[in-house]
Amino acid sequence: MFDMMKKLQEAQRQMKEIKERLERVSVKGTAEPGISITANGNRKILSVELPENFQSMDKNELETALRTAMDQAIANADQINEAEMKSAASGMMPGLGSLLSKG
């Protein structure tokens, strides 16, 4: 039982470290005409950059471009997040396998 608790605590510690590391990773999504959205690996939007002339853009055009850039930023963040989680899971699987067999 102690061994199981120890492995669970280690898994929690690793997940916390991954989340902290993902906070420091930044990815971008872009769309014409010059819109850029930056997010971190935890899928939080960090910044929005608009072109100087964004006020002269058609409302629908601006909304579409913003959605495109946000979708791209979140997709890029998802890829990094997924890669980190897979890496952590592969490192934990041997421990999880022995935990499940003792259950």
PDB file of N, CA and C in Angstrom:
ATOM      1  N   MET A   1       0.837  -1.200   0.000  1.00  0.00           N
ATOM      2  CA  MET A   1       0.000   0.000   0.000  1.00  0.00           C
ATOM      3  C   MET A   1       0.875   1.254   0.000  1.00  0.00           C
ATOM      4  N   PHE A   2       1.946   1.231   0.814  1.00  0.00           N
ATOM      5  CA  PHE A   2       2.843   2.385   0.875  1.00  0.00           C
ATOM      6  C   PHE A   2       3.485   2.636  -0.482  1.00  0.00           C
ATOM      7  N   ASP A   3       3.870   1.547  -1.157  1.00  0.00           N
ATOM      8  CA  ASP A   3       4.488   1.664  -2.470  1.00  0.00           C
ATOM      9  C   ASP A   3       3.524   2.308  -3.468  1.00  0.00           C
ATOM     10  N   MET A   4       2.253   1.938  -3.376  1.00  0.00           N
ATOM     11  CA  MET A   4       1.244   2.508  -4.270  1.00  0.00           C
ATOM     12  C   MET A   4       1.085   4.003  -4.005  1.00  0.00           C
ATOM     13  N   MET A   5       1.024   4.395  -2.766  1.00  0.00           N
ATOM     14  CA  MET A   5       0.893   5.819  -2.413  1.00  0.00           C
ATOM     15  C   MET A   5       2.114   6.602  -2.897  1.00  0.00           C
ATOM     16  N   LYS A   6       3.266   6.010  -2.754  1.00  0.00           N
ATOM     17  CA  LYS A   6       4.503   6.660  -3.187  1.00  0.00           C
ATOM     18  C   LYS A   6       4.490   6.896  -4.701  1.00  0.00           C
ATOM     19  N   LYS A   7       4.019   5.895  -5.451  1.00  0.00           N
ATOM     20  CA  LYS A   7       3.960   6.025  -6.905  1.00  0.00           C
ATOM     21  C   LYS A   7       2.925   7.065  -7.321  1.00  0.00           C
ATOM     22  N   LEU A   8       1.806   7.111  -6.628  1.00  0.00           N
ATOM     23  CA  LEU A   8       0.788   8.116  -6.930  1.00  0.00           C
ATOM     24  C   LEU A   8       1.307   9.526  -6.638  1.00  0.00           C
ATOM     25  N   GLN A   9       2.020   9.681  -5.545  1.00  0.00           N
ATOM     26  CA  GLN A   9       2.599  10.983  -5.219  1.00  0.00           C
ATOM     27  C   GLN A   9       3.625  11.393  -6.265  1.00  0.00           C
ATOM     28  N   GLU A  10       4.402  10.450  -6.736  1.00  0.00           N
ATOM     29  CA  GLU A  10       5.398  10.742  -7.776  1.00  0.00           C
ATOM     30  C   GLU A  10       4.698  11.168  -9.067  1.00  0.00           C
ATOM     31  N   ALA A  11       3.612  10.494  -9.412  1.00  0.00           N
ATOM     32  CA  ALA A  11       2.858  10.853 -10.614  1.00  0.00           C
ATOM     33  C   ALA A  11       2.286  12.262 -10.476  1.00  0.00           C
ATOM     34  N   GLN A  12       1.761  12.601  -9.314  1.00  0.00           N
ATOM     35  CA  GLN A  12       1.229  13.947  -9.076  1.00  0.00           C
ATOM     36  C   GLN A  12       2.332  14.989  -9.196  1.00  0.00           C
ATOM     37  N   ARG A  13       3.502  14.691  -8.670  1.00  0.00           N
ATOM     38  CA  ARG A  13       4.629  15.615  -8.740  1.00  0.00           C
ATOM     39  C   ARG A  13       5.041  15.842 -10.194  1.00  0.00           C
ATOM     40  N   GLN A  14       5.086  14.759 -10.954  1.00  0.00           N
ATOM     41  CA  GLN A  14       5.453  14.877 -12.369  1.00  0.00           C
ATOM     42  C   GLN A  14       4.432  15.703 -13.141  1.00  0.00           C
ATOM     43  N   MET A  15       3.168  15.500 -12.868  1.00  0.00           N
ATOM     44  CA  MET A  15       2.128  16.268 -13.557  1.00  0.00           C
ATOM     45  C   MET A  15       2.237  17.756 -13.217  1.00  0.00           C
ATOM     46  N   LYS A  16       2.533  18.056 -11.980  1.00  0.00           N
ATOM     47  CA  LYS A  16       2.702  19.455 -11.574  1.00  0.00           C
ATOM     48  C   LYS A  16       3.884  20.074 -12.324  1.00  0.00           C
ATOM     49  N   GLU A  17       4.985  19.341 -12.413  1.00  0.00           N
ATOM     50  CA  GLU A  17       6.162  19.829 -13.133  1.00  0.00           C
ATOM     51  C   GLU A  17       5.846  20.078 -14.609  1.00  0.00           C
ATOM     52  N   ILE A  18       5.083  19.180 -15.208  1.00  0.00           N
ATOM     53  CA  ILE A  18       4.714  19.344 -16.615  1.00  0.00           C
ATOM     54  C   ILE A  18       3.873  20.598 -16.799  1.00  0.00           C
ATOM     55  N   LYS A  19       2.872  20.780 -15.946  1.00  0.00           N
ATOM     56  CA  LYS A  19       2.023  21.978 -16.046  1.00  0.00           C
ATOM     57  C   LYS A  19       2.849  23.252 -15.893  1.00  0.00           C
ATOM     58  N   GLU A  20       3.799  23.244 -14.957  1.00  0.00           N
ATOM     59  CA  GLU A  20       4.657  24.417 -14.773  1.00  0.00           C
ATOM     60  C   GLU A  20       5.522  24.657 -16.011  1.00  0.00           C
ATOM     61  N   ARG A  21       6.035  23.587 -16.594  1.00  0.00           N
ATOM     62  CA  ARG A  21       6.867  23.720 -17.797  1.00  0.00           C
ATOM     63  C   ARG A  21       6.021  24.246 -18.963  1.00  0.00           C
ATOM     64  N   LEU A  22       4.795  23.753 -19.081  1.00  0.00           N
ATOM     65  CA  LEU A  22       3.910  24.191 -20.160  1.00  0.00           C
ATOM     66  C   LEU A  22       3.502  25.654 -20.003  1.00  0.00           C
ATOM     67  N   GLU A  23       3.509  26.161 -18.783  1.00  0.00           N
ATOM     68  CA  GLU A  23       3.219  27.585 -18.562  1.00  0.00           C
ATOM     69  C   GLU A  23       4.275  28.461 -19.233  1.00  0.00           C
ATOM     70  N   ARG A  24       5.500  27.945 -19.332  1.00  0.00           N
ATOM     71  CA  ARG A  24       6.609  28.737 -19.876  1.00  0.00           C
ATOM     72  C   ARG A  24       6.799  28.575 -21.378  1.00  0.00           C
ATOM     73  N   VAL A  25       6.076  27.643 -21.978  1.00  0.00           N
ATOM     74  CA  VAL A  25       6.162  27.412 -23.420  1.00  0.00           C
ATOM     75  C   VAL A  25       5.157  28.332 -24.101  1.00  0.00           C
ATOM     76  N   SER A  26       5.572  28.976 -25.185  1.00  0.00           N
ATOM     77  CA  SER A  26       4.607  29.797 -25.914  1.00  0.00           C
ATOM     78  C   SER A  26       4.582  29.400 -27.386  1.00  0.00           C
ATOM     79  N   VAL A  27       3.384  29.442 -27.937  1.00  0.00           N
ATOM     80  CA  VAL A  27       3.149  29.106 -29.343  1.00  0.00           C
ATOM     81  C   VAL A  27       2.300  30.216 -29.950  1.00  0.00           C
ATOM     82  N   LYS A  28       2.354  30.311 -31.273  1.00  0.00           N
ATOM     83  CA  LYS A  28       1.591  31.361 -31.953  1.00  0.00           C
ATOM     84  C   LYS A  28       0.636  30.769 -32.969  1.00  0.00           C
ATOM     85  N   GLY A  29      -0.401  31.540 -33.198  1.00  0.00           N
ATOM     86  CA  GLY A  29      -1.311  31.294 -34.297  1.00  0.00           C
ATOM     87  C   GLY A  29      -1.423  32.605 -35.051  1.00  0.00           C
ATOM     88  N   THR A  30      -1.456  32.538 -36.358  1.00  0.00           N
ATOM     89  CA  THR A  30      -1.514  33.767 -37.148  1.00  0.00           C
ATOM     90  C   THR A  30      -2.615  33.682 -38.195  1.00  0.00           C
ATOM     91  N   ALA A  31      -3.038  34.847 -38.627  1.00  0.00           N
ATOM     92  CA  ALA A  31      -4.024  34.948 -39.705  1.00  0.00           C
ATOM     93  C   ALA A  31      -3.817  36.278 -40.401  1.00  0.00           C
ATOM     94  N   GLU A  32      -4.134  36.292 -41.671  1.00  0.00           N
ATOM     95  CA  GLU A  32      -4.070  37.543 -42.433  1.00  0.00           C
ATOM     96  C   GLU A  32      -5.222  38.417 -41.994  1.00  0.00           C
ATOM     97  N   PRO A  33      -5.059  39.670 -41.907  1.00  0.00           N
ATOM     98  CA  PRO A  33      -3.930  40.511 -42.289  1.00  0.00           C
ATOM     99  C   PRO A  33      -3.104  40.927 -41.077  1.00  0.00           C
ATOM    100  N   GLY A  34      -2.185  40.088 -40.642  1.00  0.00           N
ATOM    101  CA  GLY A  34      -1.270  40.469 -39.573  1.00  0.00           C
ATOM    102  C   GLY A  34      -1.766  40.264 -38.159  1.00  0.00           C
ATOM    103  N   ILE A  35      -2.684  39.330 -37.960  1.00  0.00           N
ATOM    104  CA  ILE A  35      -3.173  39.032 -36.609  1.00  0.00           C
ATOM    105  C   ILE A  35      -2.345  37.894 -36.047  1.00  0.00           C
ATOM    106  N   SER A  36      -1.938  38.031 -34.794  1.00  0.00           N
ATOM    107  CA  SER A  36      -1.123  37.017 -34.139  1.00  0.00           C
ATOM    108  C   SER A  36      -1.637  36.792 -32.720  1.00  0.00           C
ATOM    109  N   ILE A  37      -1.842  35.543 -32.372  1.00  0.00           N
ATOM    110  CA  ILE A  37      -2.296  35.153 -31.034  1.00  0.00           C
ATOM    111  C   ILE A  37      -1.204  34.275 -30.430  1.00  0.00           C
ATOM    112  N   THR A  38      -0.797  34.579 -29.210  1.00  0.00           N
ATOM    113  CA  THR A  38       0.191  33.770 -28.511  1.00  0.00           C
ATOM    114  C   THR A  38      -0.500  33.084 -27.335  1.00  0.00           C
ATOM    115  N   ALA A  39      -0.243  31.778 -27.205  1.00  0.00           N
ATOM    116  CA  ALA A  39      -0.799  30.984 -26.102  1.00  0.00           C
ATOM    117  C   ALA A  39       0.350  30.223 -25.455  1.00  0.00           C
ATOM    118  N   ASN A  40       0.106  29.717 -24.250  1.00  0.00           N
ATOM    119  CA  ASN A  40       1.115  28.868 -23.635  1.00  0.00           C
ATOM    120  C   ASN A  40       0.733  27.403 -23.813  1.00  0.00           C
ATOM    121  N   GLY A  41       1.579  26.508 -23.349  1.00  0.00           N
ATOM    122  CA  GLY A  41       1.342  25.076 -23.502  1.00  0.00           C
ATOM    123  C   GLY A  41       0.152  24.559 -22.725  1.00  0.00           C
ATOM    124  N   ASN A  42      -0.360  25.359 -21.797  1.00  0.00           N
ATOM    125  CA  ASN A  42      -1.568  25.001 -21.055  1.00  0.00           C
ATOM    126  C   ASN A  42      -2.816  25.602 -21.690  1.00  0.00           C
ATOM    127  N   ARG A  43      -2.667  26.095 -22.912  1.00  0.00           N
ATOM    128  CA  ARG A  43      -3.770  26.622 -23.717  1.00  0.00           C
ATOM    129  C   ARG A  43      -4.346  27.939 -23.216  1.00  0.00           C
ATOM    130  N   LYS A  44      -3.568  28.708 -22.493  1.00  0.00           N
ATOM    131  CA  LYS A  44      -3.992  30.044 -22.070  1.00  0.00           C
ATOM    132  C   LYS A  44      -3.534  31.059 -23.109  1.00  0.00           C
ATOM    133  N   ILE A  45      -4.413  31.980 -23.467  1.00  0.00           N
ATOM    134  CA  ILE A  45      -4.048  33.046 -24.402  1.00  0.00           C
ATOM    135  C   ILE A  45      -3.192  34.056 -23.642  1.00  0.00           C
ATOM    136  N   LEU A  46      -2.002  34.330 -24.166  1.00  0.00           N
ATOM    137  CA  LEU A  46      -1.074  35.259 -23.517  1.00  0.00           C
ATOM    138  C   LEU A  46      -1.124  36.651 -24.132  1.00  0.00           C
ATOM    139  N   SER A  47      -1.299  36.705 -25.457  1.00  0.00           N
ATOM    140  CA  SER A  47      -1.345  38.020 -26.109  1.00  0.00           C
ATOM    141  C   SER A  47      -2.087  37.945 -27.436  1.00  0.00           C
ATOM    142  N   VAL A  48      -2.593  39.102 -27.815  1.00  0.00           N
ATOM    143  CA  VAL A  48      -3.280  39.274 -29.103  1.00  0.00           C
ATOM    144  C   VAL A  48      -2.654  40.480 -29.772  1.00  0.00           C
ATOM    145  N   GLU A  49      -2.157  40.286 -30.980  1.00  0.00           N
ATOM    146  CA  GLU A  49      -1.563  41.388 -31.737  1.00  0.00           C
ATOM    147  C   GLU A  49      -2.411  41.639 -32.976  1.00  0.00           C
ATOM    148  N   LEU A  50      -2.812  42.893 -33.143  1.00  0.00           N
ATOM    149  CA  LEU A  50      -3.632  43.287 -34.288  1.00  0.00           C
ATOM    150  C   LEU A  50      -2.853  44.238 -35.180  1.00  0.00           C
ATOM    151  N   PRO A  51      -3.151  44.241 -36.473  1.00  0.00           N
ATOM    152  CA  PRO A  51      -2.472  45.192 -37.358  1.00  0.00           C
ATOM    153  C   PRO A  51      -2.947  46.610 -37.065  1.00  0.00           C
ATOM    154  N   GLU A  52      -2.156  47.573 -37.450  1.00  0.00           N
ATOM    155  CA  GLU A  52      -2.483  48.975 -37.227  1.00  0.00           C
ATOM    156  C   GLU A  52      -3.854  49.347 -37.800  1.00  0.00           C
ATOM    157  N   ASN A  53      -4.177  48.783 -38.932  1.00  0.00           N
ATOM    158  CA  ASN A  53      -5.410  49.168 -39.618  1.00  0.00           C
ATOM    159  C   ASN A  53      -6.606  48.266 -39.281  1.00  0.00           C
ATOM    160  N   PHE A  54      -6.563  47.553 -38.170  1.00  0.00           N
ATOM    161  CA  PHE A  54      -7.635  46.604 -37.864  1.00  0.00           C
ATOM    162  C   PHE A  54      -9.000  47.283 -37.747  1.00  0.00           C
ATOM    163  N   GLN A  55      -9.015  48.559 -37.368  1.00  0.00           N
ATOM    164  CA  GLN A  55     -10.289  49.265 -37.206  1.00  0.00           C
ATOM    165  C   GLN A  55     -11.006  49.471 -38.533  1.00  0.00           C
ATOM    166  N   SER A  56     -10.252  49.464 -39.618  1.00  0.00           N
ATOM    167  CA  SER A  56     -10.880  49.647 -40.928  1.00  0.00           C
ATOM    168  C   SER A  56     -11.352  48.313 -41.521  1.00  0.00           C
ATOM    169  N   MET A  57     -11.070  47.209 -40.818  1.00  0.00           N
ATOM    170  CA  MET A  57     -11.482  45.899 -41.313  1.00  0.00           C
ATOM    171  C   MET A  57     -12.978  45.699 -41.115  1.00  0.00           C
ATOM    172  N   ASP A  58     -13.554  44.931 -41.986  1.00  0.00           N
ATOM    173  CA  ASP A  58     -14.939  44.507 -41.857  1.00  0.00           C
ATOM    174  C   ASP A  58     -15.056  43.654 -40.581  1.00  0.00           C
ATOM    175  N   LYS A  59     -16.132  43.836 -39.850  1.00  0.00           N
ATOM    176  CA  LYS A  59     -16.340  43.121 -38.589  1.00  0.00           C
ATOM    177  C   LYS A  59     -16.246  41.601 -38.781  1.00  0.00           C
ATOM    178  N   ASN A  60     -16.916  41.080 -39.771  1.00  0.00           N
ATOM    179  CA  ASN A  60     -16.889  39.629 -40.019  1.00  0.00           C
ATOM    180  C   ASN A  60     -15.501  39.142 -40.385  1.00  0.00           C
ATOM    181  N   GLU A  61     -14.794  39.941 -41.171  1.00  0.00           N
ATOM    182  CA  GLU A  61     -13.426  39.589 -41.568  1.00  0.00           C
ATOM    183  C   GLU A  61     -12.518  39.530 -40.335  1.00  0.00           C
ATOM    184  N   LEU A  62     -12.641  40.521 -39.453  1.00  0.00           N
ATOM    185  CA  LEU A  62     -11.838  40.553 -38.234  1.00  0.00           C
ATOM    186  C   LEU A  62     -12.170  39.370 -37.333  1.00  0.00           C
ATOM    187  N   GLU A  63     -13.454  39.094 -37.137  1.00  0.00           N
ATOM    188  CA  GLU A  63     -13.862  37.973 -36.288  1.00  0.00           C
ATOM    189  C   GLU A  63     -13.347  36.644 -36.833  1.00  0.00           C
ATOM    190  N   THR A  64     -13.436  36.464 -38.136  1.00  0.00           N
ATOM    191  CA  THR A  64     -12.957  35.232 -38.772  1.00  0.00           C
ATOM    192  C   THR A  64     -11.446  35.088 -38.600  1.00  0.00           C
ATOM    193  N   ALA A  65     -10.719  36.182 -38.822  1.00  0.00           N
ATOM    194  CA  ALA A  65      -9.256  36.144 -38.679  1.00  0.00           C
ATOM    195  C   ALA A  65      -8.856  35.858 -37.234  1.00  0.00           C
ATOM    196  N   LEU A  66      -9.554  36.468 -36.283  1.00  0.00           N
ATOM    197  CA  LEU A  66      -9.259  36.206 -34.869  1.00  0.00           C
ATOM    198  C   LEU A  66      -9.516  34.743 -34.515  1.00  0.00           C
ATOM    199  N   ARG A  67     -10.636  34.203 -34.975  1.00  0.00           N
ATOM    200  CA  ARG A  67     -10.942  32.789 -34.714  1.00  0.00           C
ATOM    201  C   ARG A  67      -9.890  31.881 -35.321  1.00  0.00           C
ATOM    202  N   THR A  68      -9.476  32.191 -36.545  1.00  0.00           N
ATOM    203  CA  THR A  68      -8.462  31.387 -37.225  1.00  0.00           C
ATOM    204  C   THR A  68      -7.153  31.386 -36.439  1.00  0.00           C
ATOM    205  N   ALA A  69      -6.710  32.566 -36.024  1.00  0.00           N
ATOM    206  CA  ALA A  69      -5.451  32.674 -35.277  1.00  0.00           C
ATOM    207  C   ALA A  69      -5.558  31.976 -33.919  1.00  0.00           C
ATOM    208  N   MET A  70      -6.699  32.137 -33.238  1.00  0.00           N
ATOM    209  CA  MET A  70      -6.876  31.470 -31.935  1.00  0.00           C
ATOM    210  C   MET A  70      -6.909  29.954 -32.102  1.00  0.00           C
ATOM    211  N   ASP A  71      -7.642  29.474 -33.105  1.00  0.00           N
ATOM    212  CA  ASP A  71      -7.703  28.033 -33.346  1.00  0.00           C
ATOM    213  C   ASP A  71      -6.315  27.467 -33.603  1.00  0.00           C
ATOM    214  N   GLN A  72      -5.527  28.196 -34.383  1.00  0.00           N
ATOM    215  CA  GLN A  72      -4.169  27.752 -34.702  1.00  0.00           C
ATOM    216  C   GLN A  72      -3.289  27.737 -33.448  1.00  0.00           C
ATOM    217  N   ALA A  73      -3.382  28.783 -32.640  1.00  0.00           N
ATOM    218  CA  ALA A  73      -2.587  28.852 -31.409  1.00  0.00           C
ATOM    219  C   ALA A  73      -2.964  27.712 -30.465  1.00  0.00           C
ATOM    220  N   ILE A  74      -4.259  27.474 -30.302  1.00  0.00           N
ATOM    221  CA  ILE A  74      -4.713  26.402 -29.408  1.00  0.00           C
ATOM    222  C   ILE A  74      -4.309  25.031 -29.961  1.00  0.00           C
ATOM    223  N   ALA A  75      -4.394  24.843 -31.274  1.00  0.00           N
ATOM    224  CA  ALA A  75      -3.969  23.574 -31.880  1.00  0.00           C
ATOM    225  C   ALA A  75      -2.475  23.343 -31.646  1.00  0.00           C
ATOM    226  N   ASN A  76      -1.672  24.397 -31.793  1.00  0.00           N
ATOM    227  CA  ASN A  76      -0.230  24.276 -31.536  1.00  0.00           C
ATOM    228  C   ASN A  76       0.028  23.958 -30.061  1.00  0.00           C
ATOM    229  N   ALA A  77      -0.720  24.589 -29.173  1.00  0.00           N
ATOM    230  CA  ALA A  77      -0.584  24.319 -27.736  1.00  0.00           C
ATOM    231  C   ALA A  77      -0.999  22.878 -27.434  1.00  0.00           C
ATOM    232  N   ASP A  78      -2.071  22.418 -28.085  1.00  0.00           N
ATOM    233  CA  ASP A  78      -2.523  21.035 -27.890  1.00  0.00           C
ATOM    234  C   ASP A  78      -1.439  20.037 -28.269  1.00  0.00           C
ATOM    235  N   GLN A  79      -0.751  20.299 -29.380  1.00  0.00           N
ATOM    236  CA  GLN A  79       0.311  19.388 -29.828  1.00  0.00           C
ATOM    237  C   GLN A  79       1.423  19.295 -28.794  1.00  0.00           C
ATOM    238  N   ILE A  80       1.839  20.432 -28.273  1.00  0.00           N
ATOM    239  CA  ILE A  80       2.905  20.442 -27.272  1.00  0.00           C
ATOM    240  C   ILE A  80       2.424  19.779 -25.982  1.00  0.00           C
ATOM    241  N   ASN A  81       1.200  20.102 -25.577  1.00  0.00           N
ATOM    242  CA  ASN A  81       0.628  19.532 -24.360  1.00  0.00           C
ATOM    243  C   ASN A  81       0.544  18.010 -24.488  1.00  0.00           C
ATOM    244  N   GLU A  82       0.047  17.544 -25.614  1.00  0.00           N
ATOM    245  CA  GLU A  82      -0.100  16.107 -25.836  1.00  0.00           C
ATOM    246  C   GLU A  82       1.261  15.409 -25.825  1.00  0.00           C
ATOM    247  N   ALA A  83       2.247  16.011 -26.458  1.00  0.00           N
ATOM    248  CA  ALA A  83       3.589  15.414 -26.485  1.00  0.00           C
ATOM    249  C   ALA A  83       4.158  15.302 -25.071  1.00  0.00           C
ATOM    250  N   GLU A  84       3.975  16.342 -24.266  1.00  0.00           N
ATOM    251  CA  GLU A  84       4.462  16.312 -22.882  1.00  0.00           C
ATOM    252  C   GLU A  84       3.753  15.221 -22.077  1.00  0.00           C
ATOM    253  N   MET A  85       2.442  15.136 -22.238  1.00  0.00           N
ATOM    254  CA  MET A  85       1.669  14.142 -21.484  1.00  0.00           C
ATOM    255  C   MET A  85       2.028  12.720 -21.907  1.00  0.00           C
ATOM    256  N   LYS A  86       2.225  12.505 -23.216  1.00  0.00           N
ATOM    257  CA  LYS A  86       2.621  11.174 -23.684  1.00  0.00           C
ATOM    258  C   LYS A  86       3.983  10.789 -23.126  1.00  0.00           C
ATOM    259  N   SER A  87       4.876  11.758 -23.108  1.00  0.00           N
ATOM    260  CA  SER A  87       6.207  11.503 -22.573  1.00  0.00           C
ATOM    261  C   SER A  87       6.129  11.122 -21.100  1.00  0.00           C
ATOM    262  N   ALA A  88       5.328  11.857 -20.359  1.00  0.00           N
ATOM    263  CA  ALA A  88       5.178  11.567 -18.927  1.00  0.00           C
ATOM    264  C   ALA A  88       4.501  10.221 -18.723  1.00  0.00           C
ATOM    265  N   ALA A  89       3.478   9.930 -19.520  1.00  0.00           N
ATOM    266  CA  ALA A  89       2.750   8.670 -19.378  1.00  0.00           C
ATOM    267  C   ALA A  89       3.655   7.484 -19.675  1.00  0.00           C
ATOM    268  N   SER A  90       4.507   7.623 -20.691  1.00  0.00           N
ATOM    269  CA  SER A  90       5.397   6.507 -21.013  1.00  0.00           C
ATOM    270  C   SER A  90       6.387   6.259 -19.884  1.00  0.00           C
ATOM    271  N   GLY A  91       6.778   7.328 -19.200  1.00  0.00           N
ATOM    272  CA  GLY A  91       7.665   7.163 -18.054  1.00  0.00           C
ATOM    273  C   GLY A  91       6.960   6.586 -16.843  1.00  0.00           C
ATOM    274  N   MET A  92       5.647   6.808 -16.748  1.00  0.00           N
ATOM    275  CA  MET A  92       4.881   6.323 -15.601  1.00  0.00           C
ATOM    276  C   MET A  92       4.291   4.939 -15.825  1.00  0.00           C
ATOM    277  N   MET A  93       4.139   4.518 -17.049  1.00  0.00           N
ATOM    278  CA  MET A  93       3.442   3.262 -17.339  1.00  0.00           C
ATOM    279  C   MET A  93       4.009   2.064 -16.589  1.00  0.00           C
ATOM    280  N   PRO A  94       5.323   1.899 -16.505  1.00  0.00           N
ATOM    281  CA  PRO A  94       5.803   0.736 -15.758  1.00  0.00           C
ATOM    282  C   PRO A  94       5.301   0.757 -14.313  1.00  0.00           C
ATOM    283  N   GLY A  95       5.310   1.911 -13.682  1.00  0.00           N
ATOM    284  CA  GLY A  95       4.814   2.029 -12.316  1.00  0.00           C
ATOM    285  C   GLY A  95       3.323   1.800 -12.231  1.00  0.00           C
ATOM    286  N   LEU A  96       2.589   2.338 -13.197  1.00  0.00           N
ATOM    287  CA  LEU A  96       1.140   2.153 -13.188  1.00  0.00           C
ATOM    288  C   LEU A  96       0.786   0.698 -13.439  1.00  0.00           C
ATOM    289  N   GLY A  97       1.546   0.036 -14.279  1.00  0.00           N
ATOM    290  CA  GLY A  97       1.284  -1.371 -14.541  1.00  0.00           C
ATOM    291  C   GLY A  97       1.431  -2.214 -13.300  1.00  0.00           C
ATOM    292  N   SER A  98       2.460  -1.960 -12.505  1.00  0.00           N
ATOM    293  CA  SER A  98       2.633  -2.742 -11.282  1.00  0.00           C
ATOM    294  C   SER A  98       1.594  -2.370 -10.243  1.00  0.00           C
ATOM    295  N   LEU A  99       1.146  -1.109 -10.243  1.00  0.00           N
ATOM    296  CA  LEU A  99       0.079  -0.711  -9.323  1.00  0.00           C
ATOM    297  C   LEU A  99      -1.203  -1.469  -9.625  1.00  0.00           C
ATOM    298  N   LEU A 100      -1.551  -1.546 -10.905  1.00  0.00           N
ATOM    299  CA  LEU A 100      -2.792  -2.200 -11.285  1.00  0.00           C
ATOM    300  C   LEU A 100      -2.750  -3.705 -11.011  1.00  0.00           C
ATOM    301  N   SER A 101      -1.612  -4.325 -11.151  1.00  0.00           N
ATOM    302  CA  SER A 101      -1.529  -5.768 -10.920  1.00  0.00           C
ATOM    303  C   SER A 101      -1.613  -6.120  -9.435  1.00  0.00           C
ATOM    304  N   LYS A 102      -1.333  -5.150  -8.548  1.00  0.00           N
ATOM    305  CA  LYS A 102      -1.418  -5.404  -7.095  1.00  0.00           C
ATOM    306  C   LYS A 102      -2.826  -5.202  -6.575  1.00  0.00           C
ATOM    307  N   GLY A 103      -3.695  -4.456  -7.370  1.00  0.00           N
ATOM    308  CA  GLY A 103      -5.008  -4.045  -6.951  1.00  0.00           C
ATOM    309  C   GLY A 103      -5.885  -5.112  -6.497  1.00  0.00           C
TER     310      GLY A 103
END
